[in-house]
Amino acid sequence: MSFAGRKREPYFSVILPSYNRPRLSIRALNSLLAQSFESFEILFAEDGSAHFKNAAAWGEAASQSLKDKRLRYFQWNKNRGVSYARNLAIRNARGAWIAFLDSDDEWKPEHLSLLYQYISKNTGVLALQSKETWMRSGLKVIPPKHLRKIGGDIFNQSLLRCCVTTSVAAVSVEVFKDIGFFDEKLPACEDYDFWLRVSAVHQIHLLPETTAIRYQGHEDHLSFLYPQMDRFRVYSLGKFIRAPNGKTSWLKFLFFSSNLPFFLPRNTRMQRNMARYYAKNKCQILWRGALKRGRMFRALKFFFFDKLLFSNFERYKIAGG
């Protein structure tokens, strides 16, 4: 996972993962090619899409965009998930900074330029995001107050929800030395997991400008595909609590294998206590909800996590902090 010796050109490497979204991907790609800032490359990670080799699916207008010299393709036959796609692109990136754009969103032409200006004027910045406009069914949506963007030390708020929109975020490659990559075993909430780890060790700066459009309501959005999303957040919080020294441990049996392409930063005792508090609350919601729906095995599992793992956690003699 070392980035040592990497030639830091261009300035930005933009990661664009896609799965079965040819026309939306072209809209996103065209917004990249329209950037006023010029020092960037695009890593288009096509995650086993059925339509990739079907030229008609992309449309006639896509032909020139797909031939741009700044565009680098990565494709494979089997769908492996957005985290795999992002990680593969990150490992092959040449830039000093990694910026992200999801295939169903788009940037305004000044997005990269404003990120660059902020980084240049503020020393010590390693992670940042801008604001975005929300759109649903062609109409502008005003986000509720509790979902409005924040910046700085946002770890506590990141325990409750993901406070970073990945499509408007960028991180220095140095960040990956601290926290590793996206968790490929998470089918959803991988953004929550990643930005929680980033916010534990770095401030996430916030630009005042709105530089992107975020489209909502797609049928293939992960929130539609996976109910009870908090179960994935519990997994992330459990990792965080039980790995104060950067190692995974007991969660091998929880949801997925522990052989994962990430590691965790050193976490303070206060951070672990906060994580434990939110994990316990989420477990209570999950086991009570599962009990109401008659899903006894799931209810017992999260009841066990609630009562035995996330309660009285200090009896496990967690070192450090």
Protein backbone atom coordinates (compact mmCIF):
# COMPACT_ATOMS: atom_id res chain seq x y z
CA MET A 1 0.00 0.00 0.00
CA SER A 2 3.01 2.28 -0.27
CA PHE A 3 2.82 5.37 -2.46
CA ALA A 4 6.51 6.08 -2.02
CA GLY A 5 8.38 7.13 -5.13
CA ARG A 6 5.22 7.87 -7.07
CA LYS A 7 5.52 10.67 -9.58
CA ARG A 8 2.94 13.23 -8.46
CA GLU A 9 1.52 14.07 -11.87
CA PRO A 10 -1.17 14.95 -12.70
CA TYR A 11 -2.37 16.81 -9.60
CA PHE A 12 -5.70 14.98 -9.29
CA SER A 13 -6.65 11.41 -10.05
CA VAL A 14 -10.42 11.23 -10.39
CA ILE A 15 -12.03 7.88 -9.55
CA LEU A 16 -15.24 7.14 -11.49
CA PRO A 17 -16.72 3.68 -10.76
CA SER A 18 -19.70 2.46 -12.79
CA TYR A 19 -21.99 -0.54 -12.94
CA ASN A 20 -24.75 -0.85 -15.58
CA ARG A 21 -25.15 2.91 -15.90
CA PRO A 22 -23.92 3.75 -19.40
CA ARG A 23 -25.86 6.98 -19.97
CA LEU A 24 -25.48 8.26 -16.43
CA SER A 25 -21.77 7.47 -16.58
CA ILE A 26 -21.41 9.52 -19.76
CA ARG A 27 -23.12 12.48 -18.07
CA ALA A 28 -20.68 12.19 -15.17
CA LEU A 29 -17.73 11.75 -17.54
CA ASN A 30 -18.66 14.79 -19.59
CA SER A 31 -18.78 16.89 -16.43
CA LEU A 32 -15.19 15.79 -15.75
CA LEU A 33 -14.02 16.66 -19.23
CA ALA A 34 -15.59 20.12 -18.86
CA GLN A 35 -13.41 21.02 -15.85
CA SER A 36 -11.60 24.35 -16.05
CA PHE A 37 -8.68 22.88 -14.10
CA GLU A 38 -6.51 20.82 -16.44
CA SER A 39 -4.09 18.75 -14.35
CA PHE A 40 -6.08 15.59 -13.78
CA GLU A 41 -6.59 12.06 -15.02
CA ILE A 42 -9.78 9.97 -15.00
CA LEU A 43 -9.75 6.37 -13.85
CA PHE A 44 -12.97 4.83 -15.18
CA ALA A 45 -13.56 1.59 -13.28
CA GLU A 46 -16.21 -0.42 -15.11
CA ASP A 47 -17.37 -2.98 -12.56
CA GLY A 48 -18.50 -5.91 -14.69
CA SER A 49 -21.28 -4.04 -16.47
CA ALA A 50 -23.32 -6.02 -18.98
CA HIS A 51 -23.56 -2.99 -21.28
CA PHE A 52 -19.90 -2.04 -21.45
CA LYS A 53 -19.20 -3.68 -24.80
CA ASN A 54 -22.53 -2.59 -26.28
CA ALA A 55 -21.78 0.64 -28.12
CA ALA A 56 -25.47 1.39 -28.67
CA ALA A 57 -26.03 1.51 -24.91
CA TRP A 58 -23.58 4.39 -24.61
CA GLY A 59 -25.12 6.46 -27.38
CA GLU A 60 -23.56 8.29 -30.31
CA ALA A 61 -22.67 11.36 -28.24
CA ALA A 62 -20.38 9.28 -26.04
CA SER A 63 -17.89 8.34 -28.73
CA GLN A 64 -15.61 11.37 -28.37
CA SER A 65 -15.76 11.43 -24.59
CA LEU A 66 -14.64 7.82 -24.36
CA LYS A 67 -11.60 8.58 -26.52
CA ASP A 68 -10.22 11.40 -24.37
CA LYS A 69 -6.50 10.93 -23.63
CA ARG A 70 -6.95 11.72 -19.92
CA LEU A 71 -9.21 8.70 -19.57
CA ARG A 72 -7.86 5.36 -18.36
CA TYR A 73 -10.10 2.28 -18.44
CA PHE A 74 -10.25 -0.56 -15.97
CA GLN A 75 -12.80 -3.29 -16.59
CA TRP A 76 -13.48 -6.87 -15.53
CA ASN A 77 -16.21 -9.41 -16.21
CA LYS A 78 -17.64 -9.99 -12.73
CA ASN A 79 -19.35 -7.34 -10.60
CA ARG A 80 -17.25 -6.94 -7.44
CA GLY A 81 -18.77 -3.86 -5.84
CA VAL A 82 -17.98 -0.17 -5.69
CA SER A 83 -15.26 -0.55 -3.05
CA TYR A 84 -13.30 -2.98 -5.20
CA ALA A 85 -13.65 -0.63 -8.18
CA ARG A 86 -12.47 2.38 -6.19
CA ASN A 87 -9.58 0.52 -4.59
CA LEU A 88 -8.30 -0.83 -7.89
CA ALA A 89 -8.39 2.66 -9.39
CA ILE A 90 -6.69 4.21 -6.33
CA ARG A 91 -3.86 1.69 -6.53
CA ASN A 92 -3.29 2.65 -10.17
CA ALA A 93 -3.66 6.41 -9.68
CA ARG A 94 -0.74 8.70 -10.53
CA GLY A 95 -1.91 11.91 -8.89
CA ALA A 96 -1.01 13.50 -5.56
CA TRP A 97 -4.71 13.82 -4.71
CA ILE A 98 -7.58 11.39 -5.18
CA ALA A 99 -10.98 12.87 -6.04
CA PHE A 100 -14.16 10.84 -6.34
CA LEU A 101 -17.27 11.05 -8.50
CA ASP A 102 -20.12 8.54 -8.52
CA SER A 103 -21.57 7.65 -11.90
CA ASP A 104 -25.01 9.11 -11.11
CA ASP A 105 -23.69 12.54 -10.07
CA GLU A 106 -21.95 15.36 -11.93
CA TRP A 107 -19.53 18.18 -11.22
CA LYS A 108 -19.77 21.83 -12.11
CA PRO A 109 -16.87 23.06 -14.31
CA GLU A 110 -15.10 24.82 -11.44
CA HIS A 111 -15.08 21.88 -9.01
CA LEU A 112 -11.44 20.80 -9.30
CA SER A 113 -10.23 24.38 -9.63
CA LEU A 114 -11.85 25.37 -6.33
CA LEU A 115 -10.45 22.29 -4.59
CA TYR A 116 -6.98 23.14 -5.87
CA GLN A 117 -7.25 26.77 -4.76
CA TYR A 118 -8.30 25.75 -1.26
CA ILE A 119 -5.51 23.17 -0.91
CA SER A 120 -2.93 25.70 -2.17
CA LYS A 121 -4.01 28.41 0.28
CA ASN A 122 -4.36 26.21 3.37
CA THR A 123 -1.37 24.27 4.62
CA GLY A 124 -1.84 20.89 6.23
CA VAL A 125 -5.05 19.97 4.39
CA LEU A 126 -5.28 16.25 3.72
CA ALA A 127 -9.03 15.78 3.20
CA LEU A 128 -11.79 18.11 2.04
CA GLN A 129 -15.21 18.30 0.46
CA SER A 130 -17.44 20.91 -1.09
CA LYS A 131 -21.21 21.36 -1.04
CA GLU A 132 -23.65 19.93 -3.60
CA THR A 133 -27.14 20.54 -4.92
CA TRP A 134 -29.62 17.70 -4.39
CA MET A 135 -31.94 16.77 -7.25
CA ARG A 136 -34.80 14.28 -7.30
CA SER A 137 -37.10 13.67 -10.31
CA GLY A 138 -35.87 16.88 -11.93
CA LEU A 139 -36.61 19.04 -8.89
CA LYS A 140 -34.19 20.67 -6.47
CA VAL A 141 -34.36 19.24 -2.97
CA ILE A 142 -33.44 21.23 0.13
CA PRO A 143 -31.71 18.86 2.58
CA PRO A 144 -32.97 18.81 6.18
CA LYS A 145 -30.95 20.78 8.69
CA HIS A 146 -29.32 17.73 10.27
CA LEU A 147 -27.94 16.65 6.87
CA ARG A 148 -26.32 19.94 5.95
CA LYS A 149 -22.58 19.91 5.39
CA ILE A 150 -20.09 20.39 8.21
CA GLY A 151 -16.33 20.57 8.26
CA GLY A 152 -13.37 20.35 10.62
CA ASP A 153 -13.21 17.74 13.37
CA ILE A 154 -16.36 15.81 12.49
CA PHE A 155 -15.61 12.42 14.07
CA ASN A 156 -18.43 12.57 16.64
CA GLN A 157 -21.01 13.48 13.99
CA SER A 158 -19.61 10.77 11.67
CA LEU A 159 -20.51 8.09 14.21
CA LEU A 160 -24.20 8.79 13.68
CA ARG A 161 -24.19 9.18 9.91
CA CYS A 162 -21.88 9.68 6.96
CA CYS A 163 -21.06 13.39 6.95
CA VAL A 164 -19.08 13.33 3.70
CA THR A 165 -20.48 13.08 0.19
CA THR A 166 -17.86 11.06 -1.63
CA SER A 167 -18.73 12.63 -4.99
CA VAL A 168 -17.50 16.04 -3.80
CA ALA A 169 -14.59 14.84 -1.65
CA ALA A 170 -10.86 14.57 -2.24
CA VAL A 171 -8.02 13.19 -0.14
CA SER A 172 -4.25 13.30 -0.36
CA VAL A 173 -2.65 9.96 -1.14
CA GLU A 174 -0.99 10.29 2.28
CA VAL A 175 -4.37 9.51 3.88
CA PHE A 176 -4.31 5.95 2.54
CA LYS A 177 -1.10 5.32 4.47
CA ASP A 178 -3.03 6.06 7.67
CA ILE A 179 -6.30 4.22 7.09
CA GLY A 180 -5.96 1.98 4.05
CA PHE A 181 -8.64 1.61 1.40
CA PHE A 182 -12.39 1.07 1.18
CA ASP A 183 -13.72 -2.06 2.87
CA GLU A 184 -14.52 -4.45 0.01
CA LYS A 185 -16.62 -6.74 2.19
CA LEU A 186 -19.25 -4.07 2.77
CA PRO A 187 -22.02 -4.21 0.14
CA ALA A 188 -23.36 -0.87 1.45
CA CYS A 189 -22.33 1.93 3.84
CA GLU A 190 -18.75 1.68 2.60
CA ASP A 191 -18.67 5.50 2.54
CA TYR A 192 -19.68 5.64 6.21
CA ASP A 193 -16.92 3.18 7.08
CA PHE A 194 -14.22 4.98 5.08
CA TRP A 195 -14.97 8.53 6.22
CA LEU A 196 -15.34 7.43 9.83
CA ARG A 197 -11.77 6.17 9.71
CA VAL A 198 -10.58 9.35 7.98
CA SER A 199 -12.32 11.63 10.47
CA ALA A 200 -10.75 9.74 13.39
CA VAL A 201 -7.30 11.05 12.44
CA HIS A 202 -7.79 14.01 10.09
CA GLN A 203 -9.89 17.12 9.88
CA ILE A 204 -12.14 17.16 6.83
CA HIS A 205 -12.23 20.70 5.48
CA LEU A 206 -15.35 22.17 3.90
CA LEU A 207 -15.45 24.52 0.93
CA PRO A 208 -18.26 27.10 1.07
CA GLU A 209 -19.03 26.71 -2.63
CA THR A 210 -21.56 24.36 -4.22
CA THR A 211 -19.66 22.55 -6.96
CA ALA A 212 -21.69 19.46 -7.88
CA ILE A 213 -25.16 18.03 -8.47
CA ARG A 214 -26.20 14.93 -6.56
CA TYR A 215 -29.06 12.94 -8.08
CA GLN A 216 -31.27 10.84 -5.84
CA GLY A 217 -34.04 8.27 -6.20
CA HIS A 218 -32.40 5.75 -8.56
CA GLU A 219 -33.86 2.26 -8.30
CA ASP A 220 -30.38 0.73 -8.20
CA HIS A 221 -29.25 2.93 -5.33
CA LEU A 222 -27.85 0.83 -2.48
CA SER A 223 -30.34 2.21 0.03
CA PHE A 224 -33.09 0.55 -2.03
CA LEU A 225 -31.23 -2.73 -2.37
CA TYR A 226 -30.23 -3.29 1.27
CA PRO A 227 -32.75 -2.84 4.10
CA GLN A 228 -31.62 -2.20 7.68
CA MET A 229 -28.50 -0.30 6.67
CA ASP A 230 -27.51 0.15 10.31
CA ARG A 231 -26.28 -3.47 10.41
CA PHE A 232 -23.37 -2.41 8.20
CA ARG A 233 -22.68 0.61 10.39
CA VAL A 234 -22.60 -1.66 13.45
CA TYR A 235 -19.96 -3.72 11.67
CA SER A 236 -17.88 -0.57 11.07
CA LEU A 237 -18.27 0.64 14.65
CA GLY A 238 -17.32 -2.78 15.97
CA LYS A 239 -14.12 -2.74 13.95
CA PHE A 240 -13.33 0.68 15.29
CA ILE A 241 -13.92 -0.26 18.93
CA ARG A 242 -11.97 -3.50 18.86
CA ALA A 243 -8.96 -2.32 16.85
CA PRO A 244 -7.32 0.50 18.82
CA ASN A 245 -3.87 -0.37 17.49
CA GLY A 246 -4.70 -0.67 13.81
CA LYS A 247 -5.57 -4.38 13.69
CA THR A 248 -8.80 -6.21 13.02
CA SER A 249 -9.75 -8.92 15.48
CA TRP A 250 -13.01 -10.45 16.70
CA LEU A 251 -15.28 -9.31 13.90
CA LYS A 252 -14.36 -12.20 11.62
CA PHE A 253 -17.59 -13.92 12.62
CA LEU A 254 -19.83 -10.85 12.47
CA PHE A 255 -20.71 -10.32 8.81
CA PHE A 256 -17.66 -10.92 6.69
CA SER A 257 -14.11 -12.23 6.65
CA SER A 258 -11.49 -10.11 8.42
CA ASN A 259 -9.08 -10.46 5.51
CA LEU A 260 -9.77 -6.93 4.32
CA PRO A 261 -7.84 -4.26 2.37
CA PHE A 262 -7.85 -1.69 5.17
CA PHE A 263 -6.47 -1.04 8.60
CA LEU A 264 -7.60 1.22 11.39
CA PRO A 265 -5.87 4.20 12.96
CA ARG A 266 -4.98 4.38 16.62
CA ASN A 267 -8.16 5.39 18.38
CA THR A 268 -8.36 7.28 21.65
CA ARG A 269 -10.37 5.93 24.56
CA MET A 270 -12.86 8.76 24.15
CA GLN A 271 -13.37 7.89 20.49
CA ARG A 272 -13.94 4.24 21.34
CA ASN A 273 -16.42 5.11 24.07
CA MET A 274 -18.36 7.31 21.66
CA ALA A 275 -18.34 4.54 19.05
CA ARG A 276 -19.55 2.05 21.64
CA TYR A 277 -22.44 4.33 22.62
CA TYR A 278 -23.68 4.65 19.02
CA ALA A 279 -23.12 0.97 18.26
CA LYS A 280 -25.22 -0.01 21.28
CA ASN A 281 -28.05 2.29 20.18
CA LYS A 282 -27.99 0.91 16.65
CA CYS A 283 -27.96 -2.68 17.93
CA GLN A 284 -31.05 -1.99 20.04
CA ILE A 285 -32.89 -0.62 17.03
CA LEU A 286 -31.85 -3.63 14.94
CA TRP A 287 -32.77 -6.40 17.38
CA ARG A 288 -36.09 -4.80 18.29
CA GLY A 289 -36.95 -4.31 14.62
CA ALA A 290 -35.99 -7.88 13.75
CA LEU A 291 -38.06 -9.19 16.67
CA LYS A 292 -41.15 -7.35 15.41
CA ARG A 293 -40.70 -8.90 11.98
CA GLY A 294 -40.25 -12.40 13.41
CA ARG A 295 -36.60 -12.70 12.35
CA MET A 296 -35.44 -14.43 15.51
CA PHE A 297 -31.88 -15.31 14.47
CA ARG A 298 -31.08 -11.73 13.50
CA ALA A 299 -32.79 -10.42 16.64
CA LEU A 300 -30.71 -12.74 18.85
CA LYS A 301 -27.51 -11.81 17.06
CA PHE A 302 -27.90 -8.08 17.60
CA PHE A 303 -29.26 -8.62 21.12
CA PHE A 304 -26.01 -10.49 21.84
CA PHE A 305 -23.91 -7.67 20.39
CA ASP A 306 -25.91 -5.11 22.38
CA LYS A 307 -25.75 -6.85 25.76
CA LEU A 308 -22.39 -8.61 25.70
CA LEU A 309 -20.11 -6.77 23.29
CA PHE A 310 -21.10 -3.13 23.27
CA SER A 311 -22.08 -3.00 26.94
CA ASN A 312 -19.35 -3.02 29.60
CA PHE A 313 -16.75 -3.02 26.86
CA GLU A 314 -13.93 -2.04 29.19
CA ARG A 315 -13.95 -5.57 30.66
CA TYR A 316 -12.20 -6.62 27.46
CA LYS A 317 -9.18 -4.61 28.69
CA ILE A 318 -8.68 -2.61 25.53
CA ALA A 319 -5.13 -1.29 25.61
CA GLY A 320 -3.96 2.10 24.46
CA GLY A 321 -5.76 5.42 24.21
